[in-house]
Amino acid sequence: MSSRAATSGVKSLIYKFLRFMNPLVIPIAVHACRSDFIEMATKMTLTEDLIKQMFKHIENADFDAFFENVHDDVEWTIMGSHAFAGTYKGKKVFRSGAYVPVNKDVKDGAMLHVERVYLDENVAVVEMVSLPTDFKHKTMSNTYCWVMEFDDDLKVFKVRAYVDPALMHKMMVESCS
């Protein structure tokens, strides 16, 4: 038997084997590749535009729409040593314990405008300023920096919020007077 005939025989055997296995092997391989591809294609990506769209709701005083992007069991930490500093576990707890009291004397609520966004995978660092607001007939503005963590569905599950503590204190003192 020549080497050419042997090579031809091996190729033929491999071909027959693959034809025999094709109905079993190919669909499994294609399914595995397709499911990975579909998962990659459907996984949403955190973008600067997405963040700005979320904050447009706050800028337009549509706070409920903004909070639709936040998990019910969010962990929201306000950094500092003022009365509202601390960790709030849950969206309702945060809104009733910090968000509503801070905004109760602010006409239309504190409307934040995004200045800069920095992204790293599922984390967004958002620098904001509050638009001039009428706080007990005085114009006040503040600066904020929120470090926000997002899940694969792009819902916020953790926030660390930094705010000017001296201005927070001033607002609280004036709120009580």
N, C-alpha and C. Protein backbone atom coordinates (compact mmCIF):
# COMPACT_ATOMS: atom_id res chain seq x y z
N MET A 1 0.85 -1.16 0.00
CA MET A 1 0.00 0.00 0.00
C MET A 1 0.90 1.23 0.00
N SER A 2 0.64 2.12 -0.90
CA SER A 2 1.45 3.33 -0.99
C SER A 2 1.03 4.31 0.09
N SER A 3 1.92 5.28 0.36
CA SER A 3 1.60 6.29 1.38
C SER A 3 0.44 7.16 0.92
N ARG A 4 0.34 7.33 -0.40
CA ARG A 4 -0.76 8.13 -0.92
C ARG A 4 -2.09 7.42 -0.65
N ALA A 5 -2.13 6.13 -0.84
CA ALA A 5 -3.34 5.36 -0.59
C ALA A 5 -3.67 5.35 0.89
N ALA A 6 -2.64 5.26 1.74
CA ALA A 6 -2.86 5.27 3.19
C ALA A 6 -3.42 6.61 3.63
N THR A 7 -2.87 7.69 3.10
CA THR A 7 -3.35 9.02 3.44
C THR A 7 -4.79 9.19 2.99
N SER A 8 -5.06 8.72 1.80
CA SER A 8 -6.41 8.81 1.29
C SER A 8 -7.38 8.01 2.15
N GLY A 9 -6.94 6.83 2.60
CA GLY A 9 -7.77 5.99 3.44
C GLY A 9 -8.05 6.65 4.79
N VAL A 10 -7.04 7.30 5.39
CA VAL A 10 -7.21 7.98 6.68
C VAL A 10 -8.17 9.16 6.52
N LYS A 11 -7.97 9.94 5.44
CA LYS A 11 -8.87 11.07 5.20
C LYS A 11 -10.29 10.59 5.04
N SER A 12 -10.45 9.50 4.33
CA SER A 12 -11.78 8.95 4.11
C SER A 12 -12.41 8.52 5.43
N LEU A 13 -11.61 7.89 6.27
CA LEU A 13 -12.09 7.44 7.56
C LEU A 13 -12.49 8.63 8.44
N ILE A 14 -11.65 9.67 8.45
CA ILE A 14 -11.96 10.87 9.23
C ILE A 14 -13.23 11.51 8.70
N TYR A 15 -13.35 11.61 7.39
CA TYR A 15 -14.54 12.19 6.77
C TYR A 15 -15.79 11.42 7.18
N LYS A 16 -15.73 10.08 7.12
CA LYS A 16 -16.88 9.25 7.50
C LYS A 16 -17.21 9.45 8.98
N PHE A 17 -16.18 9.52 9.80
CA PHE A 17 -16.39 9.73 11.23
C PHE A 17 -17.09 11.07 11.48
N LEU A 18 -16.59 12.14 10.84
CA LEU A 18 -17.19 13.45 11.03
C LEU A 18 -18.62 13.50 10.51
N ARG A 19 -18.86 12.83 9.36
CA ARG A 19 -20.22 12.78 8.84
C ARG A 19 -21.14 12.05 9.80
N PHE A 20 -20.61 10.98 10.41
CA PHE A 20 -21.39 10.22 11.36
C PHE A 20 -21.66 11.05 12.64
N MET A 21 -20.63 11.76 13.11
CA MET A 21 -20.74 12.53 14.35
C MET A 21 -21.37 13.91 14.14
N ASN A 22 -21.37 14.38 12.92
CA ASN A 22 -21.86 15.72 12.63
C ASN A 22 -23.20 16.05 13.28
N PRO A 23 -24.22 15.21 13.18
CA PRO A 23 -25.49 15.56 13.81
C PRO A 23 -25.39 15.75 15.32
N LEU A 24 -24.40 15.10 15.93
CA LEU A 24 -24.26 15.19 17.38
C LEU A 24 -23.32 16.32 17.80
N VAL A 25 -22.17 16.40 17.14
CA VAL A 25 -21.13 17.32 17.56
C VAL A 25 -21.41 18.75 17.12
N ILE A 26 -21.74 18.95 15.88
CA ILE A 26 -21.90 20.29 15.35
C ILE A 26 -22.98 21.09 16.09
N PRO A 27 -24.19 20.54 16.28
CA PRO A 27 -25.19 21.35 17.00
C PRO A 27 -24.77 21.74 18.41
N ILE A 28 -24.08 20.85 19.11
CA ILE A 28 -23.62 21.17 20.47
C ILE A 28 -22.60 22.30 20.42
N ALA A 29 -21.64 22.20 19.49
CA ALA A 29 -20.62 23.24 19.37
C ALA A 29 -21.25 24.56 18.95
N VAL A 30 -22.16 24.51 17.99
CA VAL A 30 -22.81 25.74 17.53
C VAL A 30 -23.64 26.34 18.66
N HIS A 31 -24.38 25.50 19.41
CA HIS A 31 -25.19 26.00 20.52
C HIS A 31 -24.31 26.67 21.57
N ALA A 32 -23.18 26.04 21.91
CA ALA A 32 -22.28 26.62 22.91
C ALA A 32 -21.75 27.96 22.43
N CYS A 33 -21.32 28.02 21.18
CA CYS A 33 -20.79 29.27 20.64
C CYS A 33 -21.90 30.32 20.54
N ARG A 34 -23.07 29.91 20.08
CA ARG A 34 -24.17 30.85 19.90
C ARG A 34 -24.62 31.41 21.24
N SER A 35 -24.72 30.59 22.29
CA SER A 35 -25.18 31.10 23.58
C SER A 35 -24.18 32.11 24.16
N ASP A 36 -22.86 31.86 23.98
CA ASP A 36 -21.87 32.84 24.42
C ASP A 36 -21.99 34.12 23.64
N PHE A 37 -22.19 33.98 22.32
CA PHE A 37 -22.32 35.15 21.47
C PHE A 37 -23.57 35.95 21.84
N ILE A 38 -24.69 35.25 22.06
CA ILE A 38 -25.93 35.93 22.41
C ILE A 38 -25.77 36.64 23.74
N GLU A 39 -25.12 35.98 24.70
CA GLU A 39 -24.90 36.62 26.01
C GLU A 39 -24.05 37.87 25.85
N MET A 40 -22.99 37.79 25.04
CA MET A 40 -22.14 38.96 24.83
C MET A 40 -22.91 40.06 24.10
N ALA A 41 -23.71 39.68 23.12
CA ALA A 41 -24.43 40.66 22.32
C ALA A 41 -25.55 41.34 23.10
N THR A 42 -26.15 40.62 24.06
CA THR A 42 -27.26 41.19 24.80
C THR A 42 -26.84 41.88 26.09
N LYS A 43 -25.61 41.68 26.53
CA LYS A 43 -25.14 42.34 27.75
C LYS A 43 -25.04 43.84 27.48
N MET A 44 -25.75 44.61 28.29
CA MET A 44 -25.77 46.05 28.08
C MET A 44 -24.49 46.67 28.61
N THR A 45 -24.12 47.77 28.02
CA THR A 45 -22.88 48.43 28.36
C THR A 45 -23.17 49.77 29.02
N LEU A 46 -22.47 50.03 30.09
CA LEU A 46 -22.58 51.31 30.79
C LEU A 46 -21.87 52.37 29.97
N THR A 47 -22.58 53.43 29.62
CA THR A 47 -22.00 54.51 28.81
C THR A 47 -22.27 55.86 29.46
N GLU A 48 -21.50 56.84 29.03
CA GLU A 48 -21.70 58.20 29.52
C GLU A 48 -23.08 58.71 29.12
N ASP A 49 -23.51 58.39 27.91
CA ASP A 49 -24.85 58.82 27.47
C ASP A 49 -25.95 58.24 28.35
N LEU A 50 -25.81 56.97 28.73
CA LEU A 50 -26.80 56.34 29.60
C LEU A 50 -26.87 57.06 30.95
N ILE A 51 -25.72 57.37 31.51
CA ILE A 51 -25.68 58.08 32.80
C ILE A 51 -26.36 59.45 32.66
N LYS A 52 -26.03 60.17 31.61
CA LYS A 52 -26.63 61.49 31.41
C LYS A 52 -28.13 61.40 31.20
N GLN A 53 -28.60 60.35 30.52
CA GLN A 53 -30.04 60.15 30.35
C GLN A 53 -30.71 59.92 31.70
N MET A 54 -30.07 59.11 32.56
CA MET A 54 -30.62 58.87 33.90
C MET A 54 -30.76 60.18 34.67
N PHE A 55 -29.72 60.99 34.63
CA PHE A 55 -29.72 62.23 35.42
C PHE A 55 -30.58 63.33 34.80
N LYS A 56 -30.93 63.19 33.53
CA LYS A 56 -31.88 64.15 32.93
C LYS A 56 -33.19 64.15 33.70
N HIS A 57 -33.56 62.97 34.24
CA HIS A 57 -34.79 62.88 35.04
C HIS A 57 -34.71 63.79 36.27
N ILE A 58 -33.57 63.76 36.95
CA ILE A 58 -33.41 64.61 38.14
C ILE A 58 -33.36 66.07 37.73
N GLU A 59 -32.66 66.35 36.65
CA GLU A 59 -32.55 67.73 36.17
C GLU A 59 -33.92 68.31 35.81
N ASN A 60 -34.83 67.42 35.41
CA ASN A 60 -36.19 67.84 35.05
C ASN A 60 -37.20 67.59 36.17
N ALA A 61 -36.71 67.36 37.38
CA ALA A 61 -37.55 67.15 38.57
C ALA A 61 -38.46 65.92 38.45
N ASP A 62 -38.03 64.92 37.69
CA ASP A 62 -38.77 63.66 37.57
C ASP A 62 -38.02 62.59 38.38
N PHE A 63 -38.08 62.74 39.70
CA PHE A 63 -37.29 61.90 40.59
C PHE A 63 -37.71 60.43 40.55
N ASP A 64 -39.02 60.19 40.41
CA ASP A 64 -39.49 58.80 40.34
C ASP A 64 -38.88 58.07 39.15
N ALA A 65 -38.77 58.75 38.01
CA ALA A 65 -38.18 58.12 36.82
C ALA A 65 -36.71 57.81 37.06
N PHE A 66 -35.99 58.70 37.75
CA PHE A 66 -34.59 58.41 38.07
C PHE A 66 -34.49 57.17 38.94
N PHE A 67 -35.33 57.09 39.97
CA PHE A 67 -35.23 55.98 40.92
C PHE A 67 -35.71 54.65 40.34
N GLU A 68 -36.31 54.66 39.15
CA GLU A 68 -36.62 53.39 38.47
C GLU A 68 -35.35 52.67 38.08
N ASN A 69 -34.24 53.39 37.97
CA ASN A 69 -32.95 52.81 37.61
C ASN A 69 -32.15 52.35 38.82
N VAL A 70 -32.78 52.38 39.99
CA VAL A 70 -32.11 52.02 41.24
C VAL A 70 -32.80 50.80 41.84
N HIS A 71 -31.97 49.82 42.27
CA HIS A 71 -32.51 48.62 42.91
C HIS A 71 -33.28 48.98 44.18
N ASP A 72 -34.32 48.21 44.45
CA ASP A 72 -35.08 48.42 45.69
C ASP A 72 -34.19 48.22 46.92
N ASP A 73 -33.21 47.31 46.82
CA ASP A 73 -32.34 47.02 47.97
C ASP A 73 -30.96 47.69 47.84
N VAL A 74 -30.93 48.85 47.20
CA VAL A 74 -29.69 49.60 47.03
C VAL A 74 -29.03 49.89 48.38
N GLU A 75 -27.72 49.95 48.38
CA GLU A 75 -26.97 50.40 49.57
C GLU A 75 -26.42 51.78 49.22
N TRP A 76 -26.98 52.82 49.86
CA TRP A 76 -26.65 54.20 49.53
C TRP A 76 -25.96 54.83 50.73
N THR A 77 -24.69 55.16 50.58
CA THR A 77 -23.92 55.75 51.67
C THR A 77 -23.64 57.21 51.35
N ILE A 78 -24.05 58.08 52.26
CA ILE A 78 -23.72 59.50 52.15
C ILE A 78 -22.54 59.73 53.07
N MET A 79 -21.43 60.12 52.48
CA MET A 79 -20.19 60.28 53.23
C MET A 79 -20.23 61.59 54.03
N GLY A 80 -19.50 61.62 55.12
CA GLY A 80 -19.39 62.84 55.90
C GLY A 80 -19.78 62.63 57.35
N SER A 81 -19.90 63.76 58.06
CA SER A 81 -20.24 63.70 59.48
C SER A 81 -21.45 64.56 59.81
N HIS A 82 -22.21 64.94 58.79
CA HIS A 82 -23.42 65.73 59.01
C HIS A 82 -24.59 64.80 59.35
N ALA A 83 -25.74 65.37 59.63
CA ALA A 83 -26.90 64.60 60.10
C ALA A 83 -27.39 63.56 59.09
N PHE A 84 -27.19 63.78 57.80
CA PHE A 84 -27.68 62.83 56.80
C PHE A 84 -26.62 61.80 56.40
N ALA A 85 -25.42 61.93 56.92
CA ALA A 85 -24.35 60.97 56.60
C ALA A 85 -24.69 59.61 57.18
N GLY A 86 -24.31 58.59 56.47
CA GLY A 86 -24.56 57.23 56.91
C GLY A 86 -24.96 56.35 55.76
N THR A 87 -25.21 55.08 56.06
CA THR A 87 -25.59 54.12 55.04
C THR A 87 -27.07 53.82 55.15
N TYR A 88 -27.74 53.94 54.03
CA TYR A 88 -29.18 53.67 53.92
C TYR A 88 -29.34 52.39 53.13
N LYS A 89 -29.99 51.39 53.72
CA LYS A 89 -30.19 50.10 53.06
C LYS A 89 -31.60 50.05 52.49
N GLY A 90 -31.68 50.21 51.18
CA GLY A 90 -32.96 50.16 50.50
C GLY A 90 -33.36 51.51 49.95
N LYS A 91 -34.02 51.48 48.79
CA LYS A 91 -34.43 52.71 48.10
C LYS A 91 -35.43 53.50 48.94
N LYS A 92 -36.41 52.82 49.54
CA LYS A 92 -37.41 53.52 50.34
C LYS A 92 -36.78 54.17 51.56
N VAL A 93 -35.85 53.47 52.20
CA VAL A 93 -35.18 54.00 53.38
C VAL A 93 -34.37 55.24 53.01
N PHE A 94 -33.65 55.16 51.90
CA PHE A 94 -32.86 56.32 51.46
C PHE A 94 -33.76 57.50 51.14
N ARG A 95 -34.81 57.25 50.37
CA ARG A 95 -35.68 58.36 49.96
C ARG A 95 -36.37 59.01 51.15
N SER A 96 -36.83 58.22 52.09
CA SER A 96 -37.53 58.79 53.24
C SER A 96 -36.56 59.34 54.29
N GLY A 97 -35.38 58.74 54.42
CA GLY A 97 -34.44 59.15 55.46
C GLY A 97 -33.52 60.28 55.08
N ALA A 98 -33.24 60.44 53.80
CA ALA A 98 -32.29 61.48 53.39
C ALA A 98 -32.83 62.34 52.26
N TYR A 99 -33.33 61.70 51.24
CA TYR A 99 -33.71 62.45 50.04
C TYR A 99 -34.88 63.41 50.28
N VAL A 100 -35.94 62.90 50.87
CA VAL A 100 -37.12 63.74 51.12
C VAL A 100 -36.81 64.85 52.14
N PRO A 101 -36.17 64.53 53.29
CA PRO A 101 -35.88 65.61 54.25
C PRO A 101 -34.98 66.71 53.68
N VAL A 102 -33.99 66.34 52.87
CA VAL A 102 -33.09 67.34 52.30
C VAL A 102 -33.84 68.22 51.32
N ASN A 103 -34.77 67.63 50.60
CA ASN A 103 -35.47 68.36 49.54
C ASN A 103 -36.78 69.02 49.97
N LYS A 104 -37.19 68.82 51.22
CA LYS A 104 -38.51 69.32 51.62
C LYS A 104 -38.62 70.84 51.55
N ASP A 105 -37.53 71.55 51.77
CA ASP A 105 -37.57 73.01 51.72
C ASP A 105 -37.02 73.58 50.42
N VAL A 106 -36.71 72.70 49.48
CA VAL A 106 -36.17 73.14 48.20
C VAL A 106 -37.28 73.10 47.17
N LYS A 107 -37.56 74.25 46.59
CA LYS A 107 -38.62 74.32 45.59
C LYS A 107 -38.28 73.35 44.44
N ASP A 108 -39.20 72.44 44.13
CA ASP A 108 -39.05 71.44 43.07
C ASP A 108 -37.97 70.40 43.36
N GLY A 109 -37.37 70.38 44.52
CA GLY A 109 -36.33 69.41 44.83
C GLY A 109 -35.00 69.83 44.23
N ALA A 110 -33.93 69.28 44.77
CA ALA A 110 -32.59 69.61 44.27
C ALA A 110 -32.41 68.96 42.90
N MET A 111 -32.26 69.78 41.89
CA MET A 111 -32.08 69.28 40.53
C MET A 111 -30.59 69.31 40.21
N LEU A 112 -30.05 68.14 39.92
CA LEU A 112 -28.62 68.00 39.70
C LEU A 112 -28.29 68.00 38.21
N HIS A 113 -27.19 68.64 37.88
CA HIS A 113 -26.71 68.67 36.49
C HIS A 113 -25.35 67.97 36.44
N VAL A 114 -25.22 67.02 35.54
CA VAL A 114 -23.98 66.26 35.39
C VAL A 114 -22.91 67.14 34.74
N GLU A 115 -21.77 67.23 35.40
CA GLU A 115 -20.62 67.96 34.86
C GLU A 115 -19.66 67.01 34.16
N ARG A 116 -19.35 65.89 34.83
CA ARG A 116 -18.40 64.92 34.27
C ARG A 116 -18.80 63.51 34.68
N VAL A 117 -18.46 62.56 33.81
CA VAL A 117 -18.71 61.13 34.08
C VAL A 117 -17.42 60.37 33.79
N TYR A 118 -17.03 59.51 34.72
CA TYR A 118 -15.88 58.64 34.54
C TYR A 118 -16.39 57.21 34.68
N LEU A 119 -16.02 56.34 33.75
CA LEU A 119 -16.52 54.96 33.76
C LEU A 119 -15.38 53.96 33.87
N ASP A 120 -15.65 52.89 34.59
CA ASP A 120 -14.74 51.75 34.66
C ASP A 120 -15.60 50.50 34.85
N GLU A 121 -15.80 49.76 33.77
CA GLU A 121 -16.63 48.56 33.75
C GLU A 121 -18.03 48.87 34.28
N ASN A 122 -18.38 48.39 35.49
CA ASN A 122 -19.74 48.59 36.01
C ASN A 122 -19.82 49.74 37.02
N VAL A 123 -18.82 50.61 37.05
CA VAL A 123 -18.78 51.72 38.01
C VAL A 123 -18.78 53.05 37.25
N ALA A 124 -19.62 53.96 37.71
CA ALA A 124 -19.64 55.32 37.16
C ALA A 124 -19.37 56.30 38.30
N VAL A 125 -18.44 57.19 38.07
CA VAL A 125 -18.19 58.30 38.99
C VAL A 125 -18.80 59.53 38.32
N VAL A 126 -19.77 60.13 39.00
CA VAL A 126 -20.54 61.22 38.40
C VAL A 126 -20.36 62.48 39.24
N GLU A 127 -19.76 63.50 38.63
CA GLU A 127 -19.61 64.80 39.29
C GLU A 127 -20.77 65.67 38.85
N MET A 128 -21.42 66.30 39.83
CA MET A 128 -22.61 67.10 39.54
C MET A 128 -22.59 68.40 40.32
N VAL A 129 -23.40 69.32 39.84
CA VAL A 129 -23.71 70.54 40.58
C VAL A 129 -25.22 70.60 40.67
N SER A 130 -25.71 71.13 41.78
CA SER A 130 -27.15 71.35 41.84
C SER A 130 -27.42 72.67 41.14
N LEU A 131 -28.46 72.66 40.36
CA LEU A 131 -28.85 73.90 39.69
C LEU A 131 -29.27 74.87 40.78
N PRO A 132 -29.11 76.16 40.58
CA PRO A 132 -29.51 77.10 41.64
C PRO A 132 -30.95 76.81 42.06
N THR A 133 -31.10 76.60 43.34
CA THR A 133 -32.42 76.24 43.86
C THR A 133 -32.89 77.27 44.87
N ASP A 134 -34.17 77.35 44.99
CA ASP A 134 -34.80 78.26 45.94
C ASP A 134 -34.98 77.50 47.25
N PHE A 135 -34.12 77.77 48.21
CA PHE A 135 -34.17 77.12 49.51
C PHE A 135 -34.61 78.17 50.52
N LYS A 136 -35.88 78.09 50.92
CA LYS A 136 -36.43 79.08 51.84
C LYS A 136 -36.12 80.50 51.36
N HIS A 137 -36.40 80.73 50.08
CA HIS A 137 -36.25 82.04 49.44
C HIS A 137 -34.80 82.49 49.33
N LYS A 138 -33.87 81.55 49.36
CA LYS A 138 -32.45 81.86 49.14
C LYS A 138 -31.96 80.94 48.03
N THR A 139 -31.08 81.46 47.21
CA THR A 139 -30.52 80.64 46.14
C THR A 139 -29.30 79.90 46.68
N MET A 140 -29.33 78.57 46.51
CA MET A 140 -28.22 77.74 46.97
C MET A 140 -27.82 76.79 45.87
N SER A 141 -26.57 76.48 45.83
CA SER A 141 -26.05 75.50 44.88
C SER A 141 -25.04 74.65 45.63
N ASN A 142 -24.88 73.43 45.20
CA ASN A 142 -23.95 72.53 45.88
C ASN A 142 -23.24 71.69 44.83
N THR A 143 -22.17 71.03 45.23
CA THR A 143 -21.46 70.11 44.35
C THR A 143 -21.58 68.71 44.94
N TYR A 144 -21.61 67.73 44.04
CA TYR A 144 -21.79 66.34 44.45
C TYR A 144 -20.87 65.46 43.63
N CYS A 145 -20.50 64.35 44.21
CA CYS A 145 -19.80 63.30 43.49
C CYS A 145 -20.38 61.98 43.97
N TRP A 146 -20.96 61.23 43.04
CA TRP A 146 -21.53 59.93 43.38
C TRP A 146 -20.73 58.85 42.68
N VAL A 147 -20.31 57.86 43.46
CA VAL A 147 -19.67 56.67 42.91
C VAL A 147 -20.76 55.60 42.88
N MET A 148 -21.17 55.23 41.68
CA MET A 148 -22.34 54.35 41.51
C MET A 148 -21.90 53.02 40.89
N GLU A 149 -22.37 51.92 41.50
CA GLU A 149 -22.09 50.59 40.96
C GLU A 149 -23.36 50.03 40.34
N PHE A 150 -23.22 49.45 39.15
CA PHE A 150 -24.35 48.93 38.38
C PHE A 150 -24.24 47.42 38.21
N ASP A 151 -25.40 46.76 38.14
CA ASP A 151 -25.42 45.33 37.84
C ASP A 151 -25.45 45.14 36.32
N ASP A 152 -25.57 43.88 35.87
CA ASP A 152 -25.58 43.60 34.43
C ASP A 152 -26.79 44.17 33.72
N ASP A 153 -27.87 44.46 34.46
CA ASP A 153 -29.07 45.07 33.87
C ASP A 153 -29.02 46.60 33.94
N LEU A 154 -27.88 47.11 34.34
CA LEU A 154 -27.64 48.56 34.46
C LEU A 154 -28.55 49.24 35.45
N LYS A 155 -28.81 48.54 36.57
CA LYS A 155 -29.52 49.16 37.69
C LYS A 155 -28.51 49.41 38.80
N VAL A 156 -28.66 50.53 39.46
CA VAL A 156 -27.74 50.93 40.53
C VAL A 156 -28.01 50.06 41.76
N PHE A 157 -26.94 49.45 42.29
CA PHE A 157 -27.10 48.66 43.51
C PHE A 157 -26.26 49.19 44.67
N LYS A 158 -25.35 50.14 44.38
CA LYS A 158 -24.54 50.69 45.47
C LYS A 158 -24.10 52.10 45.07
N VAL A 159 -24.19 53.02 46.06
CA VAL A 159 -23.79 54.42 45.82
C VAL A 159 -23.01 54.91 47.03
N ARG A 160 -21.93 55.63 46.75
CA ARG A 160 -21.23 56.40 47.77
C ARG A 160 -21.32 57.85 47.30
N ALA A 161 -22.01 58.66 48.07
CA ALA A 161 -22.28 60.05 47.68
C ALA A 161 -21.45 61.01 48.53
N TYR A 162 -20.77 61.90 47.85
CA TYR A 162 -19.96 62.92 48.52
C TYR A 162 -20.60 64.27 48.25
N VAL A 163 -20.71 65.09 49.30
CA VAL A 163 -21.37 66.38 49.20
C VAL A 163 -20.62 67.37 50.09
N ASP A 164 -20.78 68.64 49.85
CA ASP A 164 -20.14 69.68 50.66
C ASP A 164 -20.78 69.67 52.05
N PRO A 165 -20.07 69.21 53.08
CA PRO A 165 -20.68 69.08 54.41
C PRO A 165 -21.02 70.42 55.05
N ALA A 166 -20.23 71.45 54.79
CA ALA A 166 -20.51 72.76 55.39
C ALA A 166 -21.82 73.32 54.85
N LEU A 167 -22.05 73.16 53.56
CA LEU A 167 -23.30 73.65 52.98
C LEU A 167 -24.48 72.80 53.44
N MET A 168 -24.28 71.49 53.59
CA MET A 168 -25.33 70.63 54.12
C MET A 168 -25.72 71.09 55.53
N HIS A 169 -24.72 71.38 56.35
CA HIS A 169 -24.96 71.84 57.71
C HIS A 169 -25.75 73.17 57.68
N LYS A 170 -25.32 74.08 56.85
CA LYS A 170 -25.98 75.39 56.73
C LYS A 170 -27.45 75.19 56.32
N MET A 171 -27.70 74.31 55.37
CA MET A 171 -29.07 74.05 54.93
C MET A 171 -29.90 73.48 56.06
N MET A 172 -29.31 72.56 56.85
CA MET A 172 -30.05 71.94 57.95
C MET A 172 -30.37 72.96 59.05
N VAL A 173 -29.41 73.82 59.36
CA VAL A 173 -29.63 74.85 60.38
C VAL A 173 -30.74 75.79 59.93
N GLU A 174 -30.68 76.21 58.68
CA GLU A 174 -31.69 77.14 58.16
C GLU A 174 -33.05 76.44 58.01
N SER A 175 -33.03 75.15 57.80
CA SER A 175 -34.28 74.40 57.66
C SER A 175 -35.02 74.36 58.99
N CYS A 176 -34.28 74.34 60.09
CA CYS A 176 -34.89 74.27 61.41
C CYS A 176 -35.34 75.65 61.91
N SER A 177 -34.87 76.71 61.26
CA SER A 177 -35.23 78.05 61.75
C SER A 177 -36.49 78.57 61.09
